[in-house]
Amino acid sequence: MRRTSHIRTRFLILLVFLLVACFQTAAQCDDAIMFPIVVQKQSTPKTTYLSIPYTAFIGPLGATSALLNTGACWNDNGTILLYLGAPVNLPDGAVVKEVRVDYYQHYAGDEATMVLYRVSNTSQHTTMASLTCGDAGNGHVATTAITAPVVDNANYSYILQGWGFRCDRKMAIRSVRITYETQ
């Protein structure tokens, strides 16, 4: 009986050894099944648009601006020509690719300017894009020349300012479209 017990013990030890060896091999395979190797694909940037309507443009310090059915303009009233401004709210990390201004200008030869600014928390303005509007009729102008194109909402805010959009000259901002990419 003792010999049988000794054979059983050896058999049990061998069985346990085989089970442990098989379990470790199976565990490695199971890990591969449960945690497959993932190769991350390069994410493709998504192109998105921010449309800023003419109703967002206002004059500073109580200045007079007009919102006509055709767009926003500066109502001169004998005051110095100031700008019309609008906030720009883009997602953090977005990359600005293009700024486009749609406008109306009645008289040929008039010019107006639209500027996209990045404003630091200490109120330092950096020009990101500047556009000159000068064609008569329904016009638009666009630029892809963008300085500091990555949006950083932790340290900056973003605004548009337009000069020369005068009601008495029948020149008005219709809209601004900002094209940007996100990951």
N, C-alpha and C. Protein backbone atom coordinates (compact mmCIF):
# COMPACT_ATOMS: atom_id res chain seq x y z
N MET A 1 0.80 -1.16 0.00
CA MET A 1 0.00 0.00 0.00
C MET A 1 0.86 1.26 0.00
N ARG A 2 1.95 1.11 0.71
CA ARG A 2 2.83 2.25 0.77
C ARG A 2 3.36 2.57 -0.63
N ARG A 3 3.66 1.58 -1.38
CA ARG A 3 4.16 1.79 -2.73
C ARG A 3 3.08 2.46 -3.59
N THR A 4 1.86 2.08 -3.44
CA THR A 4 0.77 2.69 -4.16
C THR A 4 0.63 4.14 -3.75
N SER A 5 0.77 4.41 -2.49
CA SER A 5 0.68 5.78 -2.00
C SER A 5 1.82 6.64 -2.56
N HIS A 6 2.99 6.06 -2.63
CA HIS A 6 4.13 6.77 -3.18
C HIS A 6 3.93 7.07 -4.67
N ILE A 7 3.38 6.12 -5.42
CA ILE A 7 3.11 6.32 -6.84
C ILE A 7 2.03 7.38 -7.00
N ARG A 8 1.01 7.33 -6.16
CA ARG A 8 -0.05 8.36 -6.22
C ARG A 8 0.51 9.74 -5.93
N THR A 9 1.37 9.85 -4.97
CA THR A 9 1.96 11.14 -4.62
C THR A 9 2.76 11.69 -5.79
N ARG A 10 3.58 10.82 -6.39
CA ARG A 10 4.36 11.25 -7.55
C ARG A 10 3.42 11.65 -8.70
N PHE A 11 2.39 10.86 -8.89
CA PHE A 11 1.41 11.17 -9.93
C PHE A 11 0.74 12.52 -9.67
N LEU A 12 0.35 12.77 -8.43
CA LEU A 12 -0.29 14.05 -8.07
C LEU A 12 0.67 15.22 -8.27
N ILE A 13 1.93 15.02 -7.88
CA ILE A 13 2.92 16.09 -8.06
C ILE A 13 3.11 16.37 -9.55
N LEU A 14 3.21 15.29 -10.35
CA LEU A 14 3.35 15.45 -11.78
C LEU A 14 2.12 16.12 -12.39
N LEU A 15 0.96 15.72 -11.91
CA LEU A 15 -0.29 16.32 -12.39
C LEU A 15 -0.36 17.81 -12.05
N VAL A 16 0.00 18.15 -10.83
CA VAL A 16 0.01 19.56 -10.42
C VAL A 16 1.02 20.33 -11.27
N PHE A 17 2.20 19.76 -11.47
CA PHE A 17 3.21 20.41 -12.30
C PHE A 17 2.69 20.66 -13.70
N LEU A 18 2.06 19.64 -14.30
CA LEU A 18 1.51 19.78 -15.64
C LEU A 18 0.39 20.82 -15.68
N LEU A 19 -0.46 20.81 -14.67
CA LEU A 19 -1.55 21.80 -14.62
C LEU A 19 -1.02 23.22 -14.51
N VAL A 20 0.00 23.40 -13.65
CA VAL A 20 0.59 24.73 -13.50
C VAL A 20 1.24 25.15 -14.81
N ALA A 21 1.97 24.26 -15.45
CA ALA A 21 2.61 24.59 -16.73
C ALA A 21 1.56 24.90 -17.79
N CYS A 22 0.52 24.09 -17.84
CA CYS A 22 -0.55 24.34 -18.83
C CYS A 22 -1.29 25.62 -18.51
N PHE A 23 -1.53 25.88 -17.24
CA PHE A 23 -2.25 27.09 -16.85
C PHE A 23 -1.46 28.33 -17.24
N GLN A 24 -0.16 28.30 -17.01
CA GLN A 24 0.67 29.45 -17.38
C GLN A 24 0.65 29.67 -18.89
N THR A 25 0.75 28.61 -19.67
CA THR A 25 0.70 28.74 -21.12
C THR A 25 -0.66 29.25 -21.55
N ALA A 26 -1.72 28.69 -20.97
CA ALA A 26 -3.06 29.12 -21.32
C ALA A 26 -3.28 30.56 -20.90
N ALA A 27 -2.72 30.92 -19.74
CA ALA A 27 -2.89 32.28 -19.26
C ALA A 27 -2.24 33.27 -20.22
N GLN A 28 -1.08 32.90 -20.74
CA GLN A 28 -0.44 33.80 -21.69
C GLN A 28 -1.29 33.95 -22.94
N CYS A 29 -1.86 32.85 -23.39
CA CYS A 29 -2.73 32.91 -24.56
C CYS A 29 -3.98 33.71 -24.26
N ASP A 30 -4.55 33.48 -23.06
CA ASP A 30 -5.76 34.21 -22.68
C ASP A 30 -5.49 35.71 -22.62
N ASP A 31 -4.30 36.07 -22.11
CA ASP A 31 -3.96 37.49 -22.06
C ASP A 31 -3.95 38.08 -23.45
N ALA A 32 -3.40 37.33 -24.40
CA ALA A 32 -3.37 37.82 -25.78
C ALA A 32 -4.77 37.96 -26.33
N ILE A 33 -5.66 37.04 -25.93
CA ILE A 33 -7.03 37.12 -26.40
C ILE A 33 -7.75 38.27 -25.69
N MET A 34 -7.51 38.38 -24.39
CA MET A 34 -8.21 39.41 -23.62
C MET A 34 -7.62 40.80 -23.84
N PHE A 35 -6.33 40.87 -24.07
CA PHE A 35 -5.66 42.15 -24.25
C PHE A 35 -4.88 42.12 -25.56
N PRO A 36 -5.58 42.20 -26.67
CA PRO A 36 -4.88 42.11 -27.96
C PRO A 36 -3.97 43.31 -28.15
N ILE A 37 -2.97 43.11 -28.95
CA ILE A 37 -2.06 44.21 -29.27
C ILE A 37 -2.82 45.17 -30.17
N VAL A 38 -2.86 46.42 -29.75
CA VAL A 38 -3.59 47.43 -30.51
C VAL A 38 -2.57 48.35 -31.15
N VAL A 39 -2.63 48.44 -32.44
CA VAL A 39 -1.78 49.37 -33.16
C VAL A 39 -2.64 50.60 -33.43
N GLN A 40 -2.24 51.72 -32.84
CA GLN A 40 -3.03 52.93 -33.01
C GLN A 40 -2.80 53.52 -34.38
N LYS A 41 -3.91 53.74 -35.07
CA LYS A 41 -3.84 54.39 -36.37
C LYS A 41 -3.68 55.88 -36.16
N GLN A 42 -3.03 56.50 -37.09
CA GLN A 42 -2.91 57.95 -37.07
C GLN A 42 -4.31 58.53 -37.22
N SER A 43 -4.73 59.34 -36.27
CA SER A 43 -6.07 59.90 -36.39
C SER A 43 -6.09 60.98 -37.47
N THR A 44 -7.17 61.00 -38.20
CA THR A 44 -7.32 61.96 -39.28
C THR A 44 -7.97 63.22 -38.72
N PRO A 45 -7.39 64.39 -38.96
CA PRO A 45 -8.00 65.61 -38.46
C PRO A 45 -9.41 65.80 -39.04
N LYS A 46 -10.30 66.30 -38.21
CA LYS A 46 -11.66 66.56 -38.65
C LYS A 46 -11.80 68.06 -38.92
N THR A 47 -12.25 68.41 -40.12
CA THR A 47 -12.46 69.80 -40.47
C THR A 47 -13.84 70.24 -40.00
N THR A 48 -13.88 71.37 -39.30
CA THR A 48 -15.12 71.91 -38.74
C THR A 48 -15.15 73.41 -39.02
N TYR A 49 -16.34 73.98 -38.94
CA TYR A 49 -16.51 75.41 -39.24
C TYR A 49 -17.20 76.10 -38.07
N LEU A 50 -16.75 77.32 -37.80
CA LEU A 50 -17.43 78.20 -36.85
C LEU A 50 -17.96 79.37 -37.66
N SER A 51 -19.28 79.54 -37.64
CA SER A 51 -19.90 80.63 -38.38
C SER A 51 -20.30 81.72 -37.38
N ILE A 52 -19.84 82.93 -37.62
CA ILE A 52 -20.15 84.06 -36.75
C ILE A 52 -21.06 85.00 -37.53
N PRO A 53 -22.33 85.11 -37.12
CA PRO A 53 -23.27 85.95 -37.88
C PRO A 53 -23.04 87.43 -37.60
N TYR A 54 -23.57 88.26 -38.47
CA TYR A 54 -23.39 89.71 -38.31
C TYR A 54 -24.01 90.22 -37.01
N THR A 55 -24.98 89.52 -36.48
CA THR A 55 -25.63 89.96 -35.23
C THR A 55 -24.70 89.87 -34.03
N ALA A 56 -23.57 89.18 -34.15
CA ALA A 56 -22.61 89.07 -33.04
C ALA A 56 -21.71 90.31 -32.95
N PHE A 57 -21.66 91.15 -34.00
CA PHE A 57 -20.76 92.30 -34.03
C PHE A 57 -21.40 93.51 -33.37
N ILE A 58 -20.67 94.08 -32.40
CA ILE A 58 -21.14 95.28 -31.71
C ILE A 58 -19.99 96.28 -31.62
N GLY A 59 -20.33 97.54 -31.38
CA GLY A 59 -19.32 98.59 -31.21
C GLY A 59 -18.89 98.66 -29.75
N PRO A 60 -17.67 99.14 -29.48
CA PRO A 60 -17.16 99.22 -28.11
C PRO A 60 -17.65 100.47 -27.38
N LEU A 61 -17.62 100.41 -26.07
CA LEU A 61 -17.87 101.56 -25.20
C LEU A 61 -19.13 102.32 -25.55
N GLY A 62 -20.20 101.63 -25.79
CA GLY A 62 -21.48 102.26 -26.09
C GLY A 62 -21.53 102.91 -27.45
N ALA A 63 -20.57 102.61 -28.30
CA ALA A 63 -20.56 103.19 -29.65
C ALA A 63 -21.77 102.67 -30.41
N THR A 64 -22.14 103.38 -31.44
CA THR A 64 -23.33 103.04 -32.20
C THR A 64 -22.98 102.14 -33.36
N SER A 65 -23.61 100.98 -33.37
CA SER A 65 -23.50 100.11 -34.54
C SER A 65 -24.92 99.80 -34.97
N ALA A 66 -25.08 99.41 -36.19
CA ALA A 66 -26.41 99.11 -36.71
C ALA A 66 -26.43 97.68 -37.21
N LEU A 67 -27.52 97.01 -36.93
CA LEU A 67 -27.73 95.67 -37.46
C LEU A 67 -28.84 95.80 -38.50
N LEU A 68 -28.42 95.83 -39.73
CA LEU A 68 -29.37 95.93 -40.82
C LEU A 68 -29.76 94.53 -41.27
N ASN A 69 -30.75 94.42 -42.13
CA ASN A 69 -31.09 93.11 -42.67
C ASN A 69 -29.96 92.56 -43.53
N THR A 70 -29.09 93.43 -43.98
CA THR A 70 -28.00 93.01 -44.85
C THR A 70 -26.70 92.77 -44.10
N GLY A 71 -26.58 93.17 -42.85
CA GLY A 71 -25.35 92.96 -42.11
C GLY A 71 -25.13 94.00 -41.03
N ALA A 72 -23.94 93.98 -40.43
CA ALA A 72 -23.58 94.91 -39.36
C ALA A 72 -22.67 95.99 -39.91
N CYS A 73 -22.90 97.23 -39.47
CA CYS A 73 -22.05 98.33 -39.91
C CYS A 73 -21.94 99.36 -38.79
N TRP A 74 -20.97 100.26 -38.96
CA TRP A 74 -20.72 101.34 -38.01
C TRP A 74 -21.59 102.52 -38.39
N ASN A 75 -22.39 103.01 -37.44
CA ASN A 75 -23.23 104.17 -37.65
C ASN A 75 -22.42 105.39 -37.23
N ASP A 76 -21.87 106.11 -38.20
CA ASP A 76 -20.88 107.16 -37.99
C ASP A 76 -21.35 108.23 -37.00
N ASN A 77 -22.45 108.88 -37.25
CA ASN A 77 -22.98 109.94 -36.38
C ASN A 77 -21.93 110.95 -35.94
N GLY A 78 -20.96 111.25 -36.80
CA GLY A 78 -19.96 112.29 -36.50
C GLY A 78 -18.91 111.85 -35.49
N THR A 79 -18.88 110.58 -35.07
CA THR A 79 -17.88 110.12 -34.12
C THR A 79 -16.72 109.50 -34.88
N ILE A 80 -15.61 109.34 -34.18
CA ILE A 80 -14.47 108.69 -34.83
C ILE A 80 -14.84 107.24 -35.13
N LEU A 81 -14.28 106.75 -36.20
CA LEU A 81 -14.61 105.39 -36.63
C LEU A 81 -13.87 104.39 -35.75
N LEU A 82 -14.63 103.68 -34.98
CA LEU A 82 -14.08 102.62 -34.15
C LEU A 82 -14.37 101.28 -34.82
N TYR A 83 -14.07 100.24 -34.15
CA TYR A 83 -14.26 98.91 -34.71
C TYR A 83 -15.58 98.30 -34.28
N LEU A 84 -15.98 97.30 -35.00
CA LEU A 84 -17.06 96.41 -34.59
C LEU A 84 -16.39 95.11 -34.16
N GLY A 85 -16.80 94.55 -33.05
CA GLY A 85 -16.13 93.36 -32.53
C GLY A 85 -17.10 92.23 -32.24
N ALA A 86 -16.57 91.02 -32.27
CA ALA A 86 -17.35 89.82 -31.95
C ALA A 86 -16.44 88.80 -31.27
N PRO A 87 -16.97 88.05 -30.32
CA PRO A 87 -16.17 87.00 -29.69
C PRO A 87 -16.01 85.80 -30.62
N VAL A 88 -14.94 85.06 -30.42
CA VAL A 88 -14.69 83.83 -31.18
C VAL A 88 -14.47 82.71 -30.16
N ASN A 89 -15.31 81.71 -30.18
CA ASN A 89 -15.21 80.60 -29.23
C ASN A 89 -14.92 79.31 -29.97
N LEU A 90 -13.64 78.95 -29.97
CA LEU A 90 -13.17 77.73 -30.62
C LEU A 90 -12.74 76.72 -29.55
N PRO A 91 -12.78 75.42 -29.85
CA PRO A 91 -12.36 74.43 -28.86
C PRO A 91 -10.84 74.47 -28.63
N ASP A 92 -10.44 74.21 -27.41
CA ASP A 92 -9.03 74.18 -27.06
C ASP A 92 -8.31 73.13 -27.90
N GLY A 93 -7.16 73.48 -28.44
CA GLY A 93 -6.38 72.56 -29.25
C GLY A 93 -6.73 72.57 -30.73
N ALA A 94 -7.80 73.25 -31.10
CA ALA A 94 -8.17 73.34 -32.52
C ALA A 94 -7.07 74.07 -33.28
N VAL A 95 -6.94 73.74 -34.56
CA VAL A 95 -5.95 74.40 -35.42
C VAL A 95 -6.72 75.21 -36.47
N VAL A 96 -6.58 76.53 -36.41
CA VAL A 96 -7.26 77.42 -37.35
C VAL A 96 -6.59 77.30 -38.71
N LYS A 97 -7.40 77.00 -39.73
CA LYS A 97 -6.89 76.80 -41.08
C LYS A 97 -7.23 77.95 -42.02
N GLU A 98 -8.39 78.59 -41.83
CA GLU A 98 -8.81 79.65 -42.76
C GLU A 98 -9.79 80.58 -42.05
N VAL A 99 -9.73 81.85 -42.44
CA VAL A 99 -10.71 82.84 -42.00
C VAL A 99 -11.30 83.46 -43.26
N ARG A 100 -12.63 83.51 -43.31
CA ARG A 100 -13.33 84.05 -44.48
C ARG A 100 -14.35 85.08 -44.00
N VAL A 101 -14.40 86.22 -44.69
CA VAL A 101 -15.37 87.28 -44.39
C VAL A 101 -16.29 87.44 -45.60
N ASP A 102 -17.60 87.38 -45.35
CA ASP A 102 -18.60 87.72 -46.37
C ASP A 102 -19.11 89.11 -46.03
N TYR A 103 -19.20 89.97 -47.03
CA TYR A 103 -19.59 91.36 -46.78
C TYR A 103 -20.36 91.92 -47.97
N TYR A 104 -20.92 93.10 -47.75
CA TYR A 104 -21.56 93.84 -48.84
C TYR A 104 -20.90 95.21 -48.89
N GLN A 105 -20.58 95.68 -50.11
CA GLN A 105 -20.00 97.00 -50.29
C GLN A 105 -20.67 97.66 -51.48
N HIS A 106 -21.25 98.81 -51.25
CA HIS A 106 -21.97 99.50 -52.31
C HIS A 106 -21.02 100.25 -53.25
N TYR A 107 -20.08 101.00 -52.66
CA TYR A 107 -19.21 101.87 -53.47
C TYR A 107 -17.87 101.19 -53.77
N ALA A 108 -17.50 101.20 -55.04
CA ALA A 108 -16.18 100.67 -55.42
C ALA A 108 -15.10 101.57 -54.85
N GLY A 109 -14.00 100.99 -54.46
CA GLY A 109 -12.88 101.77 -53.94
C GLY A 109 -12.85 101.87 -52.42
N ASP A 110 -13.96 101.61 -51.75
CA ASP A 110 -13.95 101.60 -50.28
C ASP A 110 -13.24 100.33 -49.81
N GLU A 111 -12.66 100.41 -48.62
CA GLU A 111 -12.01 99.23 -48.04
C GLU A 111 -12.37 99.12 -46.57
N ALA A 112 -12.44 97.91 -46.12
CA ALA A 112 -12.64 97.63 -44.70
C ALA A 112 -11.69 96.49 -44.34
N THR A 113 -11.42 96.36 -43.07
CA THR A 113 -10.47 95.34 -42.60
C THR A 113 -11.11 94.51 -41.50
N MET A 114 -10.88 93.20 -41.56
CA MET A 114 -11.31 92.30 -40.50
C MET A 114 -10.06 91.61 -39.96
N VAL A 115 -9.91 91.60 -38.63
CA VAL A 115 -8.73 91.00 -38.00
C VAL A 115 -9.17 90.01 -36.94
N LEU A 116 -8.56 88.82 -36.96
CA LEU A 116 -8.73 87.83 -35.90
C LEU A 116 -7.56 88.00 -34.96
N TYR A 117 -7.88 88.27 -33.67
CA TYR A 117 -6.85 88.48 -32.65
C TYR A 117 -6.85 87.35 -31.64
N ARG A 118 -5.65 87.04 -31.17
CA ARG A 118 -5.46 86.20 -29.99
C ARG A 118 -5.07 87.16 -28.88
N VAL A 119 -5.83 87.16 -27.79
CA VAL A 119 -5.61 88.12 -26.71
C VAL A 119 -5.15 87.37 -25.47
N SER A 120 -3.96 87.75 -24.96
CA SER A 120 -3.42 87.07 -23.77
C SER A 120 -4.19 87.49 -22.53
N ASN A 121 -3.94 86.78 -21.45
CA ASN A 121 -4.60 87.11 -20.18
C ASN A 121 -4.14 88.46 -19.64
N THR A 122 -3.07 89.02 -20.20
CA THR A 122 -2.62 90.36 -19.81
C THR A 122 -3.02 91.38 -20.87
N SER A 123 -3.94 91.01 -21.77
CA SER A 123 -4.52 91.88 -22.78
C SER A 123 -3.57 92.27 -23.90
N GLN A 124 -2.58 91.44 -24.18
CA GLN A 124 -1.69 91.66 -25.32
C GLN A 124 -2.33 91.03 -26.55
N HIS A 125 -2.55 91.85 -27.60
CA HIS A 125 -3.20 91.38 -28.82
C HIS A 125 -2.16 90.91 -29.83
N THR A 126 -2.35 89.73 -30.39
CA THR A 126 -1.52 89.20 -31.47
C THR A 126 -2.43 88.97 -32.67
N THR A 127 -2.05 89.51 -33.82
CA THR A 127 -2.85 89.31 -35.03
C THR A 127 -2.63 87.90 -35.54
N MET A 128 -3.72 87.13 -35.64
CA MET A 128 -3.66 85.78 -36.20
C MET A 128 -3.93 85.82 -37.69
N ALA A 129 -4.87 86.67 -38.12
CA ALA A 129 -5.23 86.79 -39.53
C ALA A 129 -5.78 88.19 -39.78
N SER A 130 -5.47 88.74 -40.94
CA SER A 130 -5.97 90.06 -41.31
C SER A 130 -6.45 89.99 -42.76
N LEU A 131 -7.67 90.53 -42.99
CA LEU A 131 -8.26 90.47 -44.33
C LEU A 131 -8.72 91.86 -44.73
N THR A 132 -8.52 92.20 -45.99
CA THR A 132 -8.99 93.48 -46.53
C THR A 132 -10.16 93.20 -47.47
N CYS A 133 -11.27 93.86 -47.19
CA CYS A 133 -12.49 93.72 -48.00
C CYS A 133 -12.57 94.94 -48.90
N GLY A 134 -12.63 94.74 -50.22
CA GLY A 134 -12.59 95.90 -51.10
C GLY A 134 -13.36 95.77 -52.40
N ASP A 135 -13.95 94.64 -52.71
CA ASP A 135 -14.70 94.51 -53.96
C ASP A 135 -16.13 95.02 -53.78
N ALA A 136 -16.64 95.71 -54.79
CA ALA A 136 -18.01 96.23 -54.72
C ALA A 136 -19.00 95.08 -54.90
N GLY A 137 -20.17 95.24 -54.27
CA GLY A 137 -21.22 94.24 -54.37
C GLY A 137 -21.12 93.21 -53.25
N ASN A 138 -21.71 92.04 -53.49
CA ASN A 138 -21.61 90.95 -52.53
C ASN A 138 -20.24 90.33 -52.68
N GLY A 139 -19.42 90.44 -51.68
CA GLY A 139 -18.07 89.93 -51.79
C GLY A 139 -17.68 89.05 -50.63
N HIS A 140 -16.58 88.38 -50.81
CA HIS A 140 -15.96 87.64 -49.72
C HIS A 140 -14.47 87.62 -49.96
N VAL A 141 -13.74 87.48 -48.88
CA VAL A 141 -12.29 87.37 -48.93
C VAL A 141 -11.90 86.34 -47.88
N ALA A 142 -10.85 85.56 -48.17
CA ALA A 142 -10.41 84.52 -47.25
C ALA A 142 -8.89 84.50 -47.19
N THR A 143 -8.37 84.00 -46.08
CA THR A 143 -6.93 83.81 -45.95
C THR A 143 -6.64 82.51 -45.21
N THR A 144 -5.54 81.87 -45.61
CA THR A 144 -5.05 80.70 -44.90
C THR A 144 -3.73 81.02 -44.19
N ALA A 145 -3.31 82.29 -44.26
CA ALA A 145 -2.09 82.73 -43.58
C ALA A 145 -2.45 83.04 -42.13
N ILE A 146 -2.26 82.06 -41.26
CA ILE A 146 -2.67 82.18 -39.87
C ILE A 146 -1.43 82.12 -38.98
N THR A 147 -1.25 83.13 -38.13
CA THR A 147 -0.16 83.16 -37.17
C THR A 147 -0.65 82.51 -35.88
N ALA A 148 0.18 81.68 -35.26
CA ALA A 148 -0.17 80.96 -34.02
C ALA A 148 -1.54 80.29 -34.15
N PRO A 149 -1.67 79.32 -35.05
CA PRO A 149 -2.98 78.75 -35.37
C PRO A 149 -3.59 77.82 -34.33
N VAL A 150 -2.81 77.34 -33.35
CA VAL A 150 -3.34 76.40 -32.37
C VAL A 150 -4.04 77.17 -31.24
N VAL A 151 -5.30 76.84 -31.01
CA VAL A 151 -6.11 77.52 -30.00
C VAL A 151 -5.67 77.07 -28.61
N ASP A 152 -5.40 78.03 -27.74
CA ASP A 152 -4.97 77.78 -26.36
C ASP A 152 -5.89 78.58 -25.43
N ASN A 153 -7.00 77.97 -25.06
CA ASN A 153 -7.99 78.68 -24.24
C ASN A 153 -7.55 78.88 -22.79
N ALA A 154 -6.49 78.19 -22.34
CA ALA A 154 -6.00 78.38 -20.98
C ALA A 154 -5.29 79.71 -20.83
N ASN A 155 -4.67 80.20 -21.91
CA ASN A 155 -3.87 81.42 -21.82
C ASN A 155 -4.33 82.56 -22.71
N TYR A 156 -5.31 82.29 -23.60
CA TYR A 156 -5.74 83.33 -24.54
C TYR A 156 -7.25 83.29 -24.73
N SER A 157 -7.78 84.42 -25.17
CA SER A 157 -9.14 84.48 -25.69
C SER A 157 -9.02 84.98 -27.14
N TYR A 158 -10.11 84.87 -27.88
CA TYR A 158 -10.05 85.16 -29.31
C TYR A 158 -11.20 86.08 -29.70
N ILE A 159 -10.89 87.10 -30.51
CA ILE A 159 -11.91 88.06 -30.92
C ILE A 159 -11.70 88.45 -32.39
N LEU A 160 -12.77 88.93 -33.00
CA LEU A 160 -12.71 89.53 -34.33
C LEU A 160 -12.97 91.02 -34.17
N GLN A 161 -12.24 91.83 -34.92
CA GLN A 161 -12.50 93.26 -34.97
C GLN A 161 -12.48 93.71 -36.42
N GLY A 162 -13.50 94.52 -36.79
CA GLY A 162 -13.61 95.02 -38.15
C GLY A 162 -13.63 96.53 -38.17
N TRP A 163 -12.84 97.12 -39.07
CA TRP A 163 -12.80 98.57 -39.26
C TRP A 163 -13.25 98.90 -40.67
N GLY A 164 -13.96 100.03 -40.81
CA GLY A 164 -14.34 100.51 -42.13
C GLY A 164 -15.69 100.04 -42.62
N PHE A 165 -16.39 99.25 -41.86
CA PHE A 165 -17.74 98.80 -42.24
C PHE A 165 -18.71 99.90 -41.82
N ARG A 166 -18.90 100.89 -42.72
CA ARG A 166 -19.66 102.10 -42.38
C ARG A 166 -21.04 102.07 -43.02
N CYS A 167 -22.05 102.36 -42.21
CA CYS A 167 -23.43 102.40 -42.71
C CYS A 167 -23.60 103.48 -43.79
N ASP A 168 -22.98 104.67 -43.58
CA ASP A 168 -23.16 105.75 -44.55
C ASP A 168 -22.52 105.41 -45.90
N ARG A 169 -21.59 104.48 -45.94
CA ARG A 169 -20.97 104.04 -47.19
C ARG A 169 -21.56 102.71 -47.68
N LYS A 170 -22.59 102.26 -46.99
CA LYS A 170 -23.29 101.01 -47.35
C LYS A 170 -22.32 99.84 -47.46
N MET A 171 -21.51 99.69 -46.42
CA MET A 171 -20.59 98.56 -46.34
C MET A 171 -20.86 97.84 -45.05
N ALA A 172 -21.18 96.54 -45.14
CA ALA A 172 -21.60 95.80 -43.94
C ALA A 172 -20.97 94.41 -43.90
N ILE A 173 -20.77 93.95 -42.68
CA ILE A 173 -20.30 92.58 -42.44
C ILE A 173 -21.50 91.66 -42.55
N ARG A 174 -21.41 90.64 -43.36
CA ARG A 174 -22.49 89.64 -43.47
C ARG A 174 -22.24 88.48 -42.51
N SER A 175 -21.04 87.92 -42.55
CA SER A 175 -20.68 86.83 -41.64
C SER A 175 -19.18 86.58 -41.73
N VAL A 176 -18.69 85.86 -40.75
CA VAL A 176 -17.30 85.40 -40.76
C VAL A 176 -17.34 83.90 -40.52
N ARG A 177 -16.55 83.18 -41.32
CA ARG A 177 -16.47 81.72 -41.14
C ARG A 177 -15.02 81.37 -40.85
N ILE A 178 -14.82 80.63 -39.77
CA ILE A 178 -13.49 80.16 -39.41
C ILE A 178 -13.46 78.65 -39.61
N THR A 179 -12.53 78.20 -40.45
CA THR A 179 -12.35 76.77 -40.68
C THR A 179 -11.23 76.30 -39.76
N TYR A 180 -11.49 75.21 -39.03
CA TYR A 180 -10.47 74.69 -38.12
C TYR A 180 -10.51 73.18 -38.11
N GLU A 181 -9.42 72.59 -37.61
CA GLU A 181 -9.31 71.13 -37.52
C GLU A 181 -9.15 70.71 -36.07
N THR A 182 -9.74 69.58 -35.75
CA THR A 182 -9.57 68.95 -34.45
C THR A 182 -9.16 67.51 -34.66
N GLN A 183 -8.52 66.93 -33.66
CA GLN A 183 -8.12 65.51 -33.75
C GLN A 183 -9.22 64.62 -33.26
